[in-house]
Amino acid sequence: MAPPNPEVEVAALLLSNVLPLIVAVPVLTSAPPFKPEELPFFRPAEQAGSVVPEADVLLITGTTLINDTLEELLKLAKPAARVTIVGPTVSLLPDAFLRRGADILGTVRITEPDEFLEMLAEGGSGYHFLGRSAQKVVLVRRSAIDVAA
């Protein structure tokens, strides 16, 4: 399998029958988004129509808001799929994601805004600010907890 285009970022991680599959979508980035051990599971975005409906678990990033693929991915998901949406954009309107079928939302809460902005201005990422000026937050729909129990 050829390595993925370095201008592609992971948009969704799908777990179907315990085999992880990655659907990628184009975004502007110069860093290769995949680790070598992830490459065998790469699937191009064009395969979303056949891959997503088979997924038992669907992990979607906030990038899908930017590239306007969120609605289509959610429509493709089978009704019983566990849908998780992650990223900093999720905290803006969590109810909107829940209304669209998300079961779990993963995001961040900024606890020290000045320190957070300073770290971002210096090129910091989650590795630098999580636990210092921001914390991870997970919101879970009650029905998703009942299913897991």
C-alpha atoms as a PDB file:
ATOM      1  CA  MET A   1       0.000   0.000   0.000  1.00  0.00           C
ATOM      2  CA  ALA A   2       1.370   3.416  -0.915  1.00  0.00           C
ATOM      3  CA  PRO A   3       1.947   5.858   1.945  1.00  0.00           C
ATOM      4  CA  PRO A   4      -0.834   8.416   2.411  1.00  0.00           C
ATOM      5  CA  ASN A   5      -0.599  11.893   1.006  1.00  0.00           C
ATOM      6  CA  PRO A   6       1.151  14.128   3.603  1.00  0.00           C
ATOM      7  CA  GLU A   7      -1.607  16.688   3.007  1.00  0.00           C
ATOM      8  CA  VAL A   8      -4.151  14.375   4.614  1.00  0.00           C
ATOM      9  CA  GLU A   9      -5.225  14.242   8.237  1.00  0.00           C
ATOM     10  CA  VAL A  10      -7.145  11.529  10.032  1.00  0.00           C
ATOM     11  CA  ALA A  11     -10.834  12.406  10.110  1.00  0.00           C
ATOM     12  CA  ALA A  12     -12.378   9.272  11.535  1.00  0.00           C
ATOM     13  CA  LEU A  13     -11.206   6.074  13.165  1.00  0.00           C
ATOM     14  CA  LEU A  14     -13.578   3.194  12.701  1.00  0.00           C
ATOM     15  CA  LEU A  15     -13.544  -0.030  14.641  1.00  0.00           C
ATOM     16  CA  SER A  16     -15.455  -2.774  12.897  1.00  0.00           C
ATOM     17  CA  ASN A  17     -15.132  -6.369  14.001  1.00  0.00           C
ATOM     18  CA  VAL A  18     -12.099  -5.326  16.078  1.00  0.00           C
ATOM     19  CA  LEU A  19     -10.198  -4.153  12.955  1.00  0.00           C
ATOM     20  CA  PRO A  20      -9.359  -0.435  13.027  1.00  0.00           C
ATOM     21  CA  LEU A  21      -9.912   1.428   9.782  1.00  0.00           C
ATOM     22  CA  ILE A  22      -8.975   5.027   9.166  1.00  0.00           C
ATOM     23  CA  VAL A  23     -10.892   7.335   6.866  1.00  0.00           C
ATOM     24  CA  ALA A  24      -8.803  10.317   5.815  1.00  0.00           C
ATOM     25  CA  VAL A  25      -9.877  13.673   4.455  1.00  0.00           C
ATOM     26  CA  PRO A  26      -7.796  16.449   2.877  1.00  0.00           C
ATOM     27  CA  VAL A  27      -6.725  19.296   5.133  1.00  0.00           C
ATOM     28  CA  LEU A  28      -3.844  21.728   5.062  1.00  0.00           C
ATOM     29  CA  THR A  29      -0.931  20.200   6.937  1.00  0.00           C
ATOM     30  CA  SER A  30       2.641  19.406   6.061  1.00  0.00           C
ATOM     31  CA  ALA A  31       3.363  16.814   8.739  1.00  0.00           C
ATOM     32  CA  PRO A  32       2.670  13.157   7.850  1.00  0.00           C
ATOM     33  CA  PRO A  33      -0.291  12.222  10.067  1.00  0.00           C
ATOM     34  CA  PHE A  34       0.320   8.472  10.278  1.00  0.00           C
ATOM     35  CA  LYS A  35       2.649   6.366  12.338  1.00  0.00           C
ATOM     36  CA  PRO A  36       4.126   3.435  10.409  1.00  0.00           C
ATOM     37  CA  GLU A  37       2.011   0.939  12.360  1.00  0.00           C
ATOM     38  CA  GLU A  38      -1.162   2.815  11.349  1.00  0.00           C
ATOM     39  CA  LEU A  39      -0.541   2.668   7.585  1.00  0.00           C
ATOM     40  CA  PRO A  40      -2.015  -0.831   7.059  1.00  0.00           C
ATOM     41  CA  PHE A  41      -5.352   0.480   8.333  1.00  0.00           C
ATOM     42  CA  PHE A  42      -5.504   3.591   6.138  1.00  0.00           C
ATOM     43  CA  ARG A  43      -8.519   3.942   3.857  1.00  0.00           C
ATOM     44  CA  PRO A  44      -8.987   6.935   1.534  1.00  0.00           C
ATOM     45  CA  ALA A  45     -11.945   9.242   2.092  1.00  0.00           C
ATOM     46  CA  GLU A  46     -13.518   7.962  -1.130  1.00  0.00           C
ATOM     47  CA  GLN A  47     -14.170   4.650   0.661  1.00  0.00           C
ATOM     48  CA  ALA A  48     -16.223   6.240   3.463  1.00  0.00           C
ATOM     49  CA  GLY A  49     -19.477   5.144   1.817  1.00  0.00           C
ATOM     50  CA  SER A  50     -18.520   1.484   2.169  1.00  0.00           C
ATOM     51  CA  VAL A  51     -16.444   1.621   5.367  1.00  0.00           C
ATOM     52  CA  VAL A  52     -18.529   3.800   7.703  1.00  0.00           C
ATOM     53  CA  PRO A  53     -21.779   1.771   7.439  1.00  0.00           C
ATOM     54  CA  GLU A  54     -19.873  -1.332   8.625  1.00  0.00           C
ATOM     55  CA  ALA A  55     -18.340   0.353  11.684  1.00  0.00           C
ATOM     56  CA  ASP A  56     -19.494  -0.632  15.154  1.00  0.00           C
ATOM     57  CA  VAL A  57     -17.631   2.339  16.655  1.00  0.00           C
ATOM     58  CA  LEU A  58     -17.100   5.626  14.857  1.00  0.00           C
ATOM     59  CA  LEU A  59     -14.585   8.183  16.125  1.00  0.00           C
ATOM     60  CA  ILE A  60     -14.904  11.504  14.292  1.00  0.00           C
ATOM     61  CA  THR A  61     -12.675  14.538  14.768  1.00  0.00           C
ATOM     62  CA  GLY A  62     -13.713  18.187  14.718  1.00  0.00           C
ATOM     63  CA  THR A  63     -11.906  18.486  11.385  1.00  0.00           C
ATOM     64  CA  THR A  64     -15.100  17.152   9.831  1.00  0.00           C
ATOM     65  CA  LEU A  65     -16.783  20.464  10.725  1.00  0.00           C
ATOM     66  CA  ILE A  66     -14.152  22.389   8.793  1.00  0.00           C
ATOM     67  CA  ASN A  67     -14.258  20.184   5.701  1.00  0.00           C
ATOM     68  CA  ASP A  68     -18.059  19.793   5.826  1.00  0.00           C
ATOM     69  CA  THR A  69     -18.104  15.982   6.073  1.00  0.00           C
ATOM     70  CA  LEU A  70     -19.651  15.544   9.544  1.00  0.00           C
ATOM     71  CA  GLU A  71     -23.287  15.335   8.424  1.00  0.00           C
ATOM     72  CA  GLU A  72     -22.516  12.766   5.720  1.00  0.00           C
ATOM     73  CA  LEU A  73     -20.456  10.582   8.085  1.00  0.00           C
ATOM     74  CA  LEU A  74     -23.289  10.640  10.631  1.00  0.00           C
ATOM     75  CA  LYS A  75     -25.827   9.694   7.940  1.00  0.00           C
ATOM     76  CA  LEU A  76     -23.628   6.785   6.850  1.00  0.00           C
ATOM     77  CA  ALA A  77     -23.285   5.407  10.402  1.00  0.00           C
ATOM     78  CA  LYS A  78     -25.458   2.399  11.158  1.00  0.00           C
ATOM     79  CA  PRO A  79     -28.084   3.046  13.858  1.00  0.00           C
ATOM     80  CA  ALA A  80     -26.409   0.798  16.425  1.00  0.00           C
ATOM     81  CA  ALA A  81     -22.932   2.325  15.955  1.00  0.00           C
ATOM     82  CA  ARG A  82     -21.347   4.018  18.945  1.00  0.00           C
ATOM     83  CA  VAL A  83     -20.493   7.534  17.705  1.00  0.00           C
ATOM     84  CA  THR A  84     -17.768   9.583  19.388  1.00  0.00           C
ATOM     85  CA  ILE A  85     -16.816  13.093  18.288  1.00  0.00           C
ATOM     86  CA  VAL A  86     -13.579  14.593  19.586  1.00  0.00           C
ATOM     87  CA  GLY A  87     -11.725  17.881  19.373  1.00  0.00           C
ATOM     88  CA  PRO A  88     -11.694  21.385  20.797  1.00  0.00           C
ATOM     89  CA  THR A  89     -14.624  22.469  18.605  1.00  0.00           C
ATOM     90  CA  VAL A  90     -16.905  19.950  20.322  1.00  0.00           C
ATOM     91  CA  SER A  91     -17.166  22.054  23.484  1.00  0.00           C
ATOM     92  CA  LEU A  92     -18.658  24.987  21.565  1.00  0.00           C
ATOM     93  CA  LEU A  93     -22.083  23.370  21.016  1.00  0.00           C
ATOM     94  CA  PRO A  94     -22.229  19.917  22.619  1.00  0.00           C
ATOM     95  CA  ASP A  95     -26.032  19.743  22.310  1.00  0.00           C
ATOM     96  CA  ALA A  96     -25.785  20.068  18.527  1.00  0.00           C
ATOM     97  CA  PHE A  97     -23.552  16.981  18.366  1.00  0.00           C
ATOM     98  CA  LEU A  98     -25.776  15.014  20.740  1.00  0.00           C
ATOM     99  CA  ARG A  99     -28.884  15.893  18.670  1.00  0.00           C
ATOM    100  CA  ARG A 100     -27.120  14.526  15.603  1.00  0.00           C
ATOM    101  CA  GLY A 101     -26.518  11.151  17.226  1.00  0.00           C
ATOM    102  CA  ALA A 102     -23.185  11.408  19.035  1.00  0.00           C
ATOM    103  CA  ASP A 103     -22.953   9.173  22.097  1.00  0.00           C
ATOM    104  CA  ILE A 104     -19.649  10.459  23.480  1.00  0.00           C
ATOM    105  CA  LEU A 105     -17.968  13.864  23.147  1.00  0.00           C
ATOM    106  CA  GLY A 106     -14.297  14.432  23.924  1.00  0.00           C
ATOM    107  CA  THR A 107     -12.985  17.967  24.207  1.00  0.00           C
ATOM    108  CA  VAL A 108     -10.893  20.303  26.348  1.00  0.00           C
ATOM    109  CA  ARG A 109     -11.703  22.899  28.976  1.00  0.00           C
ATOM    110  CA  ILE A 110      -9.353  25.855  29.253  1.00  0.00           C
ATOM    111  CA  THR A 111      -8.537  26.411  32.942  1.00  0.00           C
ATOM    112  CA  GLU A 112      -5.827  29.089  32.636  1.00  0.00           C
ATOM    113  CA  PRO A 113      -6.652  31.210  29.556  1.00  0.00           C
ATOM    114  CA  ASP A 114      -3.605  33.510  29.659  1.00  0.00           C
ATOM    115  CA  GLU A 115      -1.155  30.639  30.098  1.00  0.00           C
ATOM    116  CA  PHE A 116      -2.984  28.652  27.408  1.00  0.00           C
ATOM    117  CA  LEU A 117      -2.789  31.487  24.846  1.00  0.00           C
ATOM    118  CA  GLU A 118       0.876  32.084  25.625  1.00  0.00           C
ATOM    119  CA  MET A 119       1.640  28.406  25.105  1.00  0.00           C
ATOM    120  CA  LEU A 120      -0.265  28.392  21.792  1.00  0.00           C
ATOM    121  CA  ALA A 121       1.601  31.506  20.642  1.00  0.00           C
ATOM    122  CA  GLU A 122       4.855  29.642  21.286  1.00  0.00           C
ATOM    123  CA  GLY A 123       3.687  26.737  19.127  1.00  0.00           C
ATOM    124  CA  GLY A 124       2.527  24.515  21.966  1.00  0.00           C
ATOM    125  CA  SER A 125       0.117  21.630  21.501  1.00  0.00           C
ATOM    126  CA  GLY A 126      -1.928  19.342  23.715  1.00  0.00           C
ATOM    127  CA  TYR A 127       1.241  17.739  25.030  1.00  0.00           C
ATOM    128  CA  HIS A 128       2.244  21.129  26.416  1.00  0.00           C
ATOM    129  CA  PHE A 129      -1.002  22.513  27.816  1.00  0.00           C
ATOM    130  CA  LEU A 130      -3.074  19.513  28.903  1.00  0.00           C
ATOM    131  CA  GLY A 131      -2.867  19.239  32.671  1.00  0.00           C
ATOM    132  CA  ARG A 132      -1.360  22.725  32.948  1.00  0.00           C
ATOM    133  CA  SER A 133      -3.728  25.240  31.386  1.00  0.00           C
ATOM    134  CA  ALA A 134      -6.368  22.904  29.981  1.00  0.00           C
ATOM    135  CA  GLN A 135      -7.993  19.627  30.940  1.00  0.00           C
ATOM    136  CA  LYS A 136      -9.639  16.848  28.994  1.00  0.00           C
ATOM    137  CA  VAL A 137     -13.415  16.613  29.255  1.00  0.00           C
ATOM    138  CA  VAL A 138     -15.611  13.683  28.211  1.00  0.00           C
ATOM    139  CA  LEU A 139     -19.383  13.984  27.947  1.00  0.00           C
ATOM    140  CA  VAL A 140     -21.350  10.744  27.642  1.00  0.00           C
ATOM    141  CA  ARG A 141     -25.013  10.370  26.693  1.00  0.00           C
ATOM    142  CA  ARG A 142     -26.861   8.436  29.435  1.00  0.00           C
ATOM    143  CA  SER A 143     -28.117   5.843  26.955  1.00  0.00           C
ATOM    144  CA  ALA A 144     -24.491   5.150  25.941  1.00  0.00           C
ATOM    145  CA  ILE A 145     -23.675   4.374  29.589  1.00  0.00           C
ATOM    146  CA  ASP A 146     -26.659   2.024  29.824  1.00  0.00           C
ATOM    147  CA  VAL A 147     -25.533   0.143  26.688  1.00  0.00           C
ATOM    148  CA  ALA A 148     -21.999  -0.280  28.052  1.00  0.00           C
ATOM    149  CA  ALA A 149     -23.209  -1.594  31.413  1.00  0.00           C
END
